[in-house]
Amino acid sequence: MRSYINGRRAVTRNDFIELALGTPVELWLGVDGESEMERAARLDAARDILTDDPGMPDDAIRIAAAAIDDHAAELFNVVPLTRPASRRRPVRKGAAA
């Protein structure tokens, strides 16, 4: 089954997030090994986008909340760990020989 959002094909999870937000995920999260200059440019671009679309953080929060609600069973499937039965040594009473 193929999924399309606004005429674009979404294949991976990041594709769905990117198409829902309208921006690459890396713009907000950064990438490993980016220089200070690259980081400053990325944050400057993110500020410009937020200035142009002040409702974007609310939309992102709404999308995240919907995803958590849709997948809560898998996300919060917590199973308590069982403790292994402890091995007790037998108690010996009496005097040593």
PDB file of N, CA and C in Angstrom:
ATOM      1  N   MET A   1       0.846  -1.177   0.000  1.00  0.00           N
ATOM      2  CA  MET A   1       0.000   0.000   0.000  1.00  0.00           C
ATOM      3  C   MET A   1       0.890   1.239   0.000  1.00  0.00           C
ATOM      4  N   ARG A   2       0.563   2.191  -0.820  1.00  0.00           N
ATOM      5  CA  ARG A   2       1.329   3.428  -0.909  1.00  0.00           C
ATOM      6  C   ARG A   2       0.567   4.542  -0.210  1.00  0.00           C
ATOM      7  N   SER A   3       1.323   5.415   0.444  1.00  0.00           N
ATOM      8  CA  SER A   3       0.706   6.541   1.145  1.00  0.00           C
ATOM      9  C   SER A   3       1.180   7.839   0.512  1.00  0.00           C
ATOM     10  N   TYR A   4       0.226   8.712   0.244  1.00  0.00           N
ATOM     11  CA  TYR A   4       0.540  10.007  -0.337  1.00  0.00           C
ATOM     12  C   TYR A   4      -0.028  11.105   0.549  1.00  0.00           C
ATOM     13  N   ILE A   5       0.749  12.144   0.736  1.00  0.00           N
ATOM     14  CA  ILE A   5       0.311  13.316   1.482  1.00  0.00           C
ATOM     15  C   ILE A   5       0.542  14.521   0.579  1.00  0.00           C
ATOM     16  N   ASN A   6      -0.539  15.212   0.260  1.00  0.00           N
ATOM     17  CA  ASN A   6      -0.476  16.368  -0.645  1.00  0.00           C
ATOM     18  C   ASN A   6       0.244  16.035  -1.950  1.00  0.00           C
ATOM     19  N   GLY A   7      -0.036  14.863  -2.488  1.00  0.00           N
ATOM     20  CA  GLY A   7       0.541  14.480  -3.768  1.00  0.00           C
ATOM     21  C   GLY A   7       1.964  13.957  -3.698  1.00  0.00           C
ATOM     22  N   ARG A   8       2.542  13.858  -2.517  1.00  0.00           N
ATOM     23  CA  ARG A   8       3.909  13.351  -2.368  1.00  0.00           C
ATOM     24  C   ARG A   8       3.860  12.001  -1.671  1.00  0.00           C
ATOM     25  N   ARG A   9       4.703  11.100  -2.123  1.00  0.00           N
ATOM     26  CA  ARG A   9       4.719   9.754  -1.570  1.00  0.00           C
ATOM     27  C   ARG A   9       5.543   9.715  -0.278  1.00  0.00           C
ATOM     28  N   ALA A  10       4.956   9.136   0.752  1.00  0.00           N
ATOM     29  CA  ALA A  10       5.638   8.969   2.035  1.00  0.00           C
ATOM     30  C   ALA A  10       5.982   7.495   2.200  1.00  0.00           C
ATOM     31  N   VAL A  11       7.270   7.225   2.419  1.00  0.00           N
ATOM     32  CA  VAL A  11       7.720   5.848   2.546  1.00  0.00           C
ATOM     33  C   VAL A  11       8.160   5.554   3.979  1.00  0.00           C
ATOM     34  N   THR A  12       8.967   6.435   4.538  1.00  0.00           N
ATOM     35  CA  THR A  12       9.504   6.204   5.884  1.00  0.00           C
ATOM     36  C   THR A  12       8.759   7.056   6.902  1.00  0.00           C
ATOM     37  N   ARG A  13       9.043   6.799   8.177  1.00  0.00           N
ATOM     38  CA  ARG A  13       8.444   7.618   9.233  1.00  0.00           C
ATOM     39  C   ARG A  13       8.858   9.069   9.084  1.00  0.00           C
ATOM     40  N   ASN A  14      10.129   9.287   8.766  1.00  0.00           N
ATOM     41  CA  ASN A  14      10.597  10.669   8.591  1.00  0.00           C
ATOM     42  C   ASN A  14       9.882  11.359   7.436  1.00  0.00           C
ATOM     43  N   ASP A  15       9.542  10.604   6.383  1.00  0.00           N
ATOM     44  CA  ASP A  15       8.778  11.186   5.277  1.00  0.00           C
ATOM     45  C   ASP A  15       7.433  11.698   5.765  1.00  0.00           C
ATOM     46  N   PHE A  16       6.753  10.899   6.585  1.00  0.00           N
ATOM     47  CA  PHE A  16       5.448  11.317   7.107  1.00  0.00           C
ATOM     48  C   PHE A  16       5.595  12.566   7.975  1.00  0.00           C
ATOM     49  N   ILE A  17       6.611  12.583   8.838  1.00  0.00           N
ATOM     50  CA  ILE A  17       6.823  13.741   9.707  1.00  0.00           C
ATOM     51  C   ILE A  17       7.155  14.966   8.880  1.00  0.00           C
ATOM     52  N   GLU A  18       8.063  14.802   7.918  1.00  0.00           N
ATOM     53  CA  GLU A  18       8.470  15.933   7.077  1.00  0.00           C
ATOM     54  C   GLU A  18       7.296  16.489   6.282  1.00  0.00           C
ATOM     55  N   LEU A  19       6.481  15.599   5.727  1.00  0.00           N
ATOM     56  CA  LEU A  19       5.334  16.070   4.948  1.00  0.00           C
ATOM     57  C   LEU A  19       4.269  16.690   5.836  1.00  0.00           C
ATOM     58  N   ALA A  20       4.121  16.193   7.048  1.00  0.00           N
ATOM     59  CA  ALA A  20       3.139  16.775   7.962  1.00  0.00           C
ATOM     60  C   ALA A  20       3.584  18.156   8.429  1.00  0.00           C
ATOM     61  N   LEU A  21       4.874  18.301   8.728  1.00  0.00           N
ATOM     62  CA  LEU A  21       5.385  19.595   9.208  1.00  0.00           C
ATOM     63  C   LEU A  21       5.659  20.574   8.071  1.00  0.00           C
ATOM     64  N   GLY A  22       5.984  20.030   6.913  1.00  0.00           N
ATOM     65  CA  GLY A  22       6.342  20.895   5.793  1.00  0.00           C
ATOM     66  C   GLY A  22       7.808  21.285   5.804  1.00  0.00           C
ATOM     67  N   THR A  23       8.585  20.719   6.702  1.00  0.00           N
ATOM     68  CA  THR A  23      10.021  20.993   6.781  1.00  0.00           C
ATOM     69  C   THR A  23      10.752  19.700   7.125  1.00  0.00           C
ATOM     70  N   PRO A  24      12.030  19.622   6.784  1.00  0.00           N
ATOM     71  CA  PRO A  24      12.793  18.437   7.160  1.00  0.00           C
ATOM     72  C   PRO A  24      12.970  18.354   8.675  1.00  0.00           C
ATOM     73  N   VAL A  25      12.969  17.166   9.209  1.00  0.00           N
ATOM     74  CA  VAL A  25      13.138  16.956  10.644  1.00  0.00           C
ATOM     75  C   VAL A  25      14.499  17.480  11.100  1.00  0.00           C
ATOM     76  N   GLU A  26      15.511  17.335  10.249  1.00  0.00           N
ATOM     77  CA  GLU A  26      16.862  17.766  10.602  1.00  0.00           C
ATOM     78  C   GLU A  26      16.942  19.262  10.889  1.00  0.00           C
ATOM     79  N   LEU A  27      16.028  20.035  10.305  1.00  0.00           N
ATOM     80  CA  LEU A  27      16.020  21.478  10.562  1.00  0.00           C
ATOM     81  C   LEU A  27      15.784  21.759  12.031  1.00  0.00           C
ATOM     82  N   TRP A  28      14.967  20.965  12.666  1.00  0.00           N
ATOM     83  CA  TRP A  28      14.618  21.195  14.071  1.00  0.00           C
ATOM     84  C   TRP A  28      15.532  20.440  15.024  1.00  0.00           C
ATOM     85  N   LEU A  29      15.991  19.270  14.611  1.00  0.00           N
ATOM     86  CA  LEU A  29      16.787  18.431  15.506  1.00  0.00           C
ATOM     87  C   LEU A  29      18.291  18.537  15.271  1.00  0.00           C
ATOM     88  N   GLY A  30      18.671  18.993  14.090  1.00  0.00           N
ATOM     89  CA  GLY A  30      20.097  19.070  13.777  1.00  0.00           C
ATOM     90  C   GLY A  30      20.616  17.722  13.302  1.00  0.00           C
ATOM     91  N   VAL A  31      21.899  17.705  12.972  1.00  0.00           N
ATOM     92  CA  VAL A  31      22.549  16.477  12.526  1.00  0.00           C
ATOM     93  C   VAL A  31      23.842  16.296  13.300  1.00  0.00           C
ATOM     94  N   ASP A  32      24.282  15.074  13.416  1.00  0.00           N
ATOM     95  CA  ASP A  32      25.533  14.796  14.118  1.00  0.00           C
ATOM     96  C   ASP A  32      26.695  15.437  13.379  1.00  0.00           C
ATOM     97  N   GLY A  33      27.585  16.030  14.127  1.00  0.00           N
ATOM     98  CA  GLY A  33      28.802  16.589  13.563  1.00  0.00           C
ATOM     99  C   GLY A  33      28.651  17.932  12.876  1.00  0.00           C
ATOM    100  N   GLU A  34      27.532  18.621  13.072  1.00  0.00           N
ATOM    101  CA  GLU A  34      27.391  19.918  12.423  1.00  0.00           C
ATOM    102  C   GLU A  34      28.277  20.949  13.134  1.00  0.00           C
ATOM    103  N   SER A  35      28.806  21.864  12.345  1.00  0.00           N
ATOM    104  CA  SER A  35      29.681  22.890  12.911  1.00  0.00           C
ATOM    105  C   SER A  35      28.835  23.975  13.571  1.00  0.00           C
ATOM    106  N   GLU A  36      29.488  24.832  14.312  1.00  0.00           N
ATOM    107  CA  GLU A  36      28.776  25.952  14.948  1.00  0.00           C
ATOM    108  C   GLU A  36      28.137  26.853  13.897  1.00  0.00           C
ATOM    109  N   MET A  37      28.814  27.041  12.775  1.00  0.00           N
ATOM    110  CA  MET A  37      28.279  27.888  11.703  1.00  0.00           C
ATOM    111  C   MET A  37      27.040  27.242  11.090  1.00  0.00           C
ATOM    112  N   GLU A  38      27.099  25.935  10.867  1.00  0.00           N
ATOM    113  CA  GLU A  38      25.938  25.226  10.317  1.00  0.00           C
ATOM    114  C   GLU A  38      24.773  25.255  11.300  1.00  0.00           C
ATOM    115  N   ARG A  39      25.076  25.090  12.582  1.00  0.00           N
ATOM    116  CA  ARG A  39      24.037  25.123  13.611  1.00  0.00           C
ATOM    117  C   ARG A  39      23.368  26.494  13.659  1.00  0.00           C
ATOM    118  N   ALA A  40      24.191  27.558  13.606  1.00  0.00           N
ATOM    119  CA  ALA A  40      23.639  28.917  13.635  1.00  0.00           C
ATOM    120  C   ALA A  40      22.754  29.170  12.420  1.00  0.00           C
ATOM    121  N   ALA A  41      23.179  28.697  11.253  1.00  0.00           N
ATOM    122  CA  ALA A  41      22.383  28.880  10.036  1.00  0.00           C
ATOM    123  C   ALA A  41      21.073  28.100  10.128  1.00  0.00           C
ATOM    124  N   ARG A  42      21.149  26.885  10.659  1.00  0.00           N
ATOM    125  CA  ARG A  42      19.941  26.051  10.801  1.00  0.00           C
ATOM    126  C   ARG A  42      18.942  26.697  11.752  1.00  0.00           C
ATOM    127  N   LEU A  43      19.433  27.183  12.891  1.00  0.00           N
ATOM    128  CA  LEU A  43      18.543  27.823  13.857  1.00  0.00           C
ATOM    129  C   LEU A  43      17.970  29.128  13.313  1.00  0.00           C
ATOM    130  N   ASP A  44      18.762  29.848  12.527  1.00  0.00           N
ATOM    131  CA  ASP A  44      18.270  31.077  11.906  1.00  0.00           C
ATOM    132  C   ASP A  44      17.143  30.766  10.919  1.00  0.00           C
ATOM    133  N   ALA A  45      17.330  29.711  10.132  1.00  0.00           N
ATOM    134  CA  ALA A  45      16.277  29.303   9.195  1.00  0.00           C
ATOM    135  C   ALA A  45      15.019  28.868   9.947  1.00  0.00           C
ATOM    136  N   ALA A  46      15.198  28.149  11.057  1.00  0.00           N
ATOM    137  CA  ALA A  46      14.044  27.716  11.851  1.00  0.00           C
ATOM    138  C   ALA A  46      13.301  28.917  12.427  1.00  0.00           C
ATOM    139  N   ARG A  47      14.040  29.918  12.889  1.00  0.00           N
ATOM    140  CA  ARG A  47      13.391  31.143  13.405  1.00  0.00           C
ATOM    141  C   ARG A  47      12.584  31.842  12.313  1.00  0.00           C
ATOM    142  N   ASP A  48      13.149  31.900  11.105  1.00  0.00           N
ATOM    143  CA  ASP A  48      12.430  32.516   9.988  1.00  0.00           C
ATOM    144  C   ASP A  48      11.126  31.773   9.688  1.00  0.00           C
ATOM    145  N   ILE A  49      11.184  30.452   9.722  1.00  0.00           N
ATOM    146  CA  ILE A  49       9.981  29.662   9.448  1.00  0.00           C
ATOM    147  C   ILE A  49       8.938  29.911  10.534  1.00  0.00           C
ATOM    148  N   LEU A  50       9.356  29.947  11.795  1.00  0.00           N
ATOM    149  CA  LEU A  50       8.411  30.199  12.885  1.00  0.00           C
ATOM    150  C   LEU A  50       7.828  31.609  12.811  1.00  0.00           C
ATOM    151  N   THR A  51       8.623  32.559  12.321  1.00  0.00           N
ATOM    152  CA  THR A  51       8.116  33.917  12.153  1.00  0.00           C
ATOM    153  C   THR A  51       7.042  33.958  11.070  1.00  0.00           C
ATOM    154  N   ASP A  52       7.275  33.204   9.983  1.00  0.00           N
ATOM    155  CA  ASP A  52       6.312  33.169   8.880  1.00  0.00           C
ATOM    156  C   ASP A  52       5.050  32.384   9.237  1.00  0.00           C
ATOM    157  N   ASP A  53       5.176  31.386  10.109  1.00  0.00           N
ATOM    158  CA  ASP A  53       4.034  30.537  10.472  1.00  0.00           C
ATOM    159  C   ASP A  53       3.996  30.365  11.991  1.00  0.00           C
ATOM    160  N   PRO A  54       3.472  31.354  12.721  1.00  0.00           N
ATOM    161  CA  PRO A  54       3.473  31.266  14.182  1.00  0.00           C
ATOM    162  C   PRO A  54       2.636  30.119  14.736  1.00  0.00           C
ATOM    163  N   GLY A  55       1.734  29.558  13.967  1.00  0.00           N
ATOM    164  CA  GLY A  55       0.913  28.443  14.437  1.00  0.00           C
ATOM    165  C   GLY A  55       1.574  27.086  14.279  1.00  0.00           C
ATOM    166  N   MET A  56       2.768  27.064  13.686  1.00  0.00           N
ATOM    167  CA  MET A  56       3.432  25.799  13.435  1.00  0.00           C
ATOM    168  C   MET A  56       3.722  24.989  14.707  1.00  0.00           C
ATOM    169  N   PRO A  57       4.216  25.599  15.795  1.00  0.00           N
ATOM    170  CA  PRO A  57       4.438  24.783  17.008  1.00  0.00           C
ATOM    171  C   PRO A  57       3.155  24.114  17.505  1.00  0.00           C
ATOM    172  N   ASP A  58       2.045  24.821  17.427  1.00  0.00           N
ATOM    173  CA  ASP A  58       0.774  24.218  17.847  1.00  0.00           C
ATOM    174  C   ASP A  58       0.402  23.047  16.942  1.00  0.00           C
ATOM    175  N   ASP A  59       0.646  23.206  15.634  1.00  0.00           N
ATOM    176  CA  ASP A  59       0.362  22.119  14.697  1.00  0.00           C
ATOM    177  C   ASP A  59       1.257  20.916  14.981  1.00  0.00           C
ATOM    178  N   ALA A  60       2.526  21.167  15.258  1.00  0.00           N
ATOM    179  CA  ALA A  60       3.466  20.083  15.541  1.00  0.00           C
ATOM    180  C   ALA A  60       3.066  19.342  16.815  1.00  0.00           C
ATOM    181  N   ILE A  61       2.659  20.082  17.819  1.00  0.00           N
ATOM    182  CA  ILE A  61       2.229  19.459  19.075  1.00  0.00           C
ATOM    183  C   ILE A  61       0.968  18.633  18.841  1.00  0.00           C
ATOM    184  N   ARG A  62       0.053  19.157  18.046  1.00  0.00           N
ATOM    185  CA  ARG A  62      -1.181  18.437  17.731  1.00  0.00           C
ATOM    186  C   ARG A  62      -0.874  17.139  16.984  1.00  0.00           C
ATOM    187  N   ILE A  63       0.061  17.189  16.034  1.00  0.00           N
ATOM    188  CA  ILE A  63       0.447  15.991  15.276  1.00  0.00           C
ATOM    189  C   ILE A  63       1.092  14.967  16.207  1.00  0.00           C
ATOM    190  N   ALA A  64       1.987  15.440  17.078  1.00  0.00           N
ATOM    191  CA  ALA A  64       2.656  14.526  18.012  1.00  0.00           C
ATOM    192  C   ALA A  64       1.647  13.886  18.966  1.00  0.00           C
ATOM    193  N   ALA A  65       0.715  14.680  19.464  1.00  0.00           N
ATOM    194  CA  ALA A  65      -0.298  14.142  20.382  1.00  0.00           C
ATOM    195  C   ALA A  65      -1.175  13.115  19.673  1.00  0.00           C
ATOM    196  N   ALA A  66      -1.531  13.368  18.433  1.00  0.00           N
ATOM    197  CA  ALA A  66      -2.349  12.415  17.679  1.00  0.00           C
ATOM    198  C   ALA A  66      -1.579  11.123  17.442  1.00  0.00           C
ATOM    199  N   ALA A  67      -0.279  11.237  17.135  1.00  0.00           N
ATOM    200  CA  ALA A  67       0.540  10.037  16.916  1.00  0.00           C
ATOM    201  C   ALA A  67       0.662   9.224  18.196  1.00  0.00           C
ATOM    202  N   ILE A  68       0.848   9.902  19.314  1.00  0.00           N
ATOM    203  CA  ILE A  68       0.935   9.201  20.604  1.00  0.00           C
ATOM    204  C   ILE A  68      -0.396   8.524  20.914  1.00  0.00           C
ATOM    205  N   ASP A  69      -1.486   9.220  20.668  1.00  0.00           N
ATOM    206  CA  ASP A  69      -2.809   8.645  20.926  1.00  0.00           C
ATOM    207  C   ASP A  69      -3.062   7.429  20.039  1.00  0.00           C
ATOM    208  N   ASP A  70      -2.662   7.525  18.760  1.00  0.00           N
ATOM    209  CA  ASP A  70      -2.882   6.415  17.833  1.00  0.00           C
ATOM    210  C   ASP A  70      -2.028   5.194  18.170  1.00  0.00           C
ATOM    211  N   HIS A  71      -0.846   5.428  18.727  1.00  0.00           N
ATOM    212  CA  HIS A  71       0.092   4.331  18.970  1.00  0.00           C
ATOM    213  C   HIS A  71       0.407   4.138  20.445  1.00  0.00           C
ATOM    214  N   ALA A  72      -0.479   4.581  21.319  1.00  0.00           N
ATOM    215  CA  ALA A  72      -0.224   4.502  22.761  1.00  0.00           C
ATOM    216  C   ALA A  72      -0.024   3.064  23.227  1.00  0.00           C
ATOM    217  N   ALA A  73      -0.767   2.147  22.648  1.00  0.00           N
ATOM    218  CA  ALA A  73      -0.647   0.753  23.077  1.00  0.00           C
ATOM    219  C   ALA A  73       0.767   0.227  22.865  1.00  0.00           C
ATOM    220  N   GLU A  74       1.378   0.558  21.725  1.00  0.00           N
ATOM    221  CA  GLU A  74       2.743   0.091  21.458  1.00  0.00           C
ATOM    222  C   GLU A  74       3.769   0.902  22.241  1.00  0.00           C
ATOM    223  N   LEU A  75       3.520   2.210  22.380  1.00  0.00           N
ATOM    224  CA  LEU A  75       4.484   3.075  23.060  1.00  0.00           C
ATOM    225  C   LEU A  75       4.566   2.795  24.553  1.00  0.00           C
ATOM    226  N   PHE A  76       3.434   2.496  25.146  1.00  0.00           N
ATOM    227  CA  PHE A  76       3.384   2.334  26.590  1.00  0.00           C
ATOM    228  C   PHE A  76       3.116   0.890  27.005  1.00  0.00           C
ATOM    229  N   ASN A  77       3.534  -0.039  26.170  1.00  0.00           N
ATOM    230  CA  ASN A  77       3.366  -1.446  26.476  1.00  0.00           C
ATOM    231  C   ASN A  77       4.474  -1.856  27.445  1.00  0.00           C
ATOM    232  N   VAL A  78       4.241  -1.560  28.695  1.00  0.00           N
ATOM    233  CA  VAL A  78       5.238  -1.825  29.726  1.00  0.00           C
ATOM    234  C   VAL A  78       4.907  -3.146  30.393  1.00  0.00           C
ATOM    235  N   VAL A  79       5.884  -3.999  30.431  1.00  0.00           N
ATOM    236  CA  VAL A  79       5.712  -5.298  31.061  1.00  0.00           C
ATOM    237  C   VAL A  79       6.643  -5.349  32.262  1.00  0.00           C
ATOM    238  N   PRO A  80       6.099  -5.623  33.445  1.00  0.00           N
ATOM    239  CA  PRO A  80       6.974  -5.675  34.616  1.00  0.00           C
ATOM    240  C   PRO A  80       7.959  -6.835  34.495  1.00  0.00           C
ATOM    241  N   LEU A  81       9.168  -6.580  34.888  1.00  0.00           N
ATOM    242  CA  LEU A  81      10.174  -7.633  34.865  1.00  0.00           C
ATOM    243  C   LEU A  81       9.985  -8.534  36.077  1.00  0.00           C
ATOM    244  N   THR A  82      10.130  -9.810  35.866  1.00  0.00           N
ATOM    245  CA  THR A  82      10.006 -10.737  36.983  1.00  0.00           C
ATOM    246  C   THR A  82      11.370 -10.902  37.634  1.00  0.00           C
ATOM    247  N   ARG A  83      11.352 -11.024  38.925  1.00  0.00           N
ATOM    248  CA  ARG A  83      12.600 -11.238  39.647  1.00  0.00           C
ATOM    249  C   ARG A  83      12.909 -12.726  39.646  1.00  0.00           C
ATOM    250  N   PRO A  84      14.150 -13.053  39.393  1.00  0.00           N
ATOM    251  CA  PRO A  84      14.485 -14.478  39.449  1.00  0.00           C
ATOM    252  C   PRO A  84      14.380 -14.973  40.891  1.00  0.00           C
ATOM    253  N   ALA A  85      14.014 -16.211  41.028  1.00  0.00           N
ATOM    254  CA  ALA A  85      13.905 -16.781  42.368  1.00  0.00           C
ATOM    255  C   ALA A  85      15.275 -16.747  43.027  1.00  0.00           C
ATOM    256  N   SER A  86      15.313 -16.224  44.209  1.00  0.00           N
ATOM    257  CA  SER A  86      16.606 -16.131  44.897  1.00  0.00           C
ATOM    258  C   SER A  86      16.981 -17.493  45.447  1.00  0.00           C
ATOM    259  N   ARG A  87      18.248 -17.750  45.422  1.00  0.00           N
ATOM    260  CA  ARG A  87      18.744 -19.020  45.946  1.00  0.00           C
ATOM    261  C   ARG A  87      19.225 -18.787  47.363  1.00  0.00           C
ATOM    262  N   ARG A  88      18.606 -19.463  48.255  1.00  0.00           N
ATOM    263  CA  ARG A  88      18.997 -19.324  49.652  1.00  0.00           C
ATOM    264  C   ARG A  88      19.861 -20.507  50.048  1.00  0.00           C
ATOM    265  N   ARG A  89      20.877 -20.182  50.766  1.00  0.00           N
ATOM    266  CA  ARG A  89      21.740 -21.249  51.258  1.00  0.00           C
ATOM    267  C   ARG A  89      21.112 -21.835  52.526  1.00  0.00           C
ATOM    268  N   PRO A  90      21.238 -23.122  52.673  1.00  0.00           N
ATOM    269  CA  PRO A  90      20.671 -23.718  53.885  1.00  0.00           C
ATOM    270  C   PRO A  90      21.420 -23.222  55.114  1.00  0.00           C
ATOM    271  N   VAL A  91      20.674 -22.973  56.153  1.00  0.00           N
ATOM    272  CA  VAL A  91      21.252 -22.493  57.398  1.00  0.00           C
ATOM    273  C   VAL A  91      21.743 -23.706  58.186  1.00  0.00           C
ATOM    274  N   ARG A  92      22.990 -23.668  58.589  1.00  0.00           N
ATOM    275  CA  ARG A  92      23.561 -24.774  59.362  1.00  0.00           C
ATOM    276  C   ARG A  92      23.764 -24.314  60.792  1.00  0.00           C
ATOM    277  N   LYS A  93      23.247 -25.046  61.667  1.00  0.00           N
ATOM    278  CA  LYS A  93      23.404 -24.713  63.082  1.00  0.00           C
ATOM    279  C   LYS A  93      24.302 -25.772  63.724  1.00  0.00           C
ATOM    280  N   GLY A  94      25.008 -25.329  64.659  1.00  0.00           N
ATOM    281  CA  GLY A  94      25.843 -26.294  65.362  1.00  0.00           C
ATOM    282  C   GLY A  94      27.267 -25.759  65.479  1.00  0.00           C
ATOM    283  N   ALA A  95      28.070 -26.503  66.189  1.00  0.00           N
ATOM    284  CA  ALA A  95      29.450 -26.099  66.425  1.00  0.00           C
ATOM    285  C   ALA A  95      30.322 -26.628  65.314  1.00  0.00           C
ATOM    286  N   ALA A  96      31.334 -25.867  65.023  1.00  0.00           N
ATOM    287  CA  ALA A  96      32.288 -26.297  64.021  1.00  0.00           C
ATOM    288  C   ALA A  96      33.176 -27.376  64.630  1.00  0.00           C
ATOM    289  N   ALA A  97      33.607 -28.313  63.849  1.00  0.00           N
ATOM    290  CA  ALA A  97      34.384 -29.425  64.377  1.00  0.00           C
ATOM    291  C   ALA A  97      35.785 -29.060  64.740  1.00  0.00           C
TER     292      ALA A  97
END
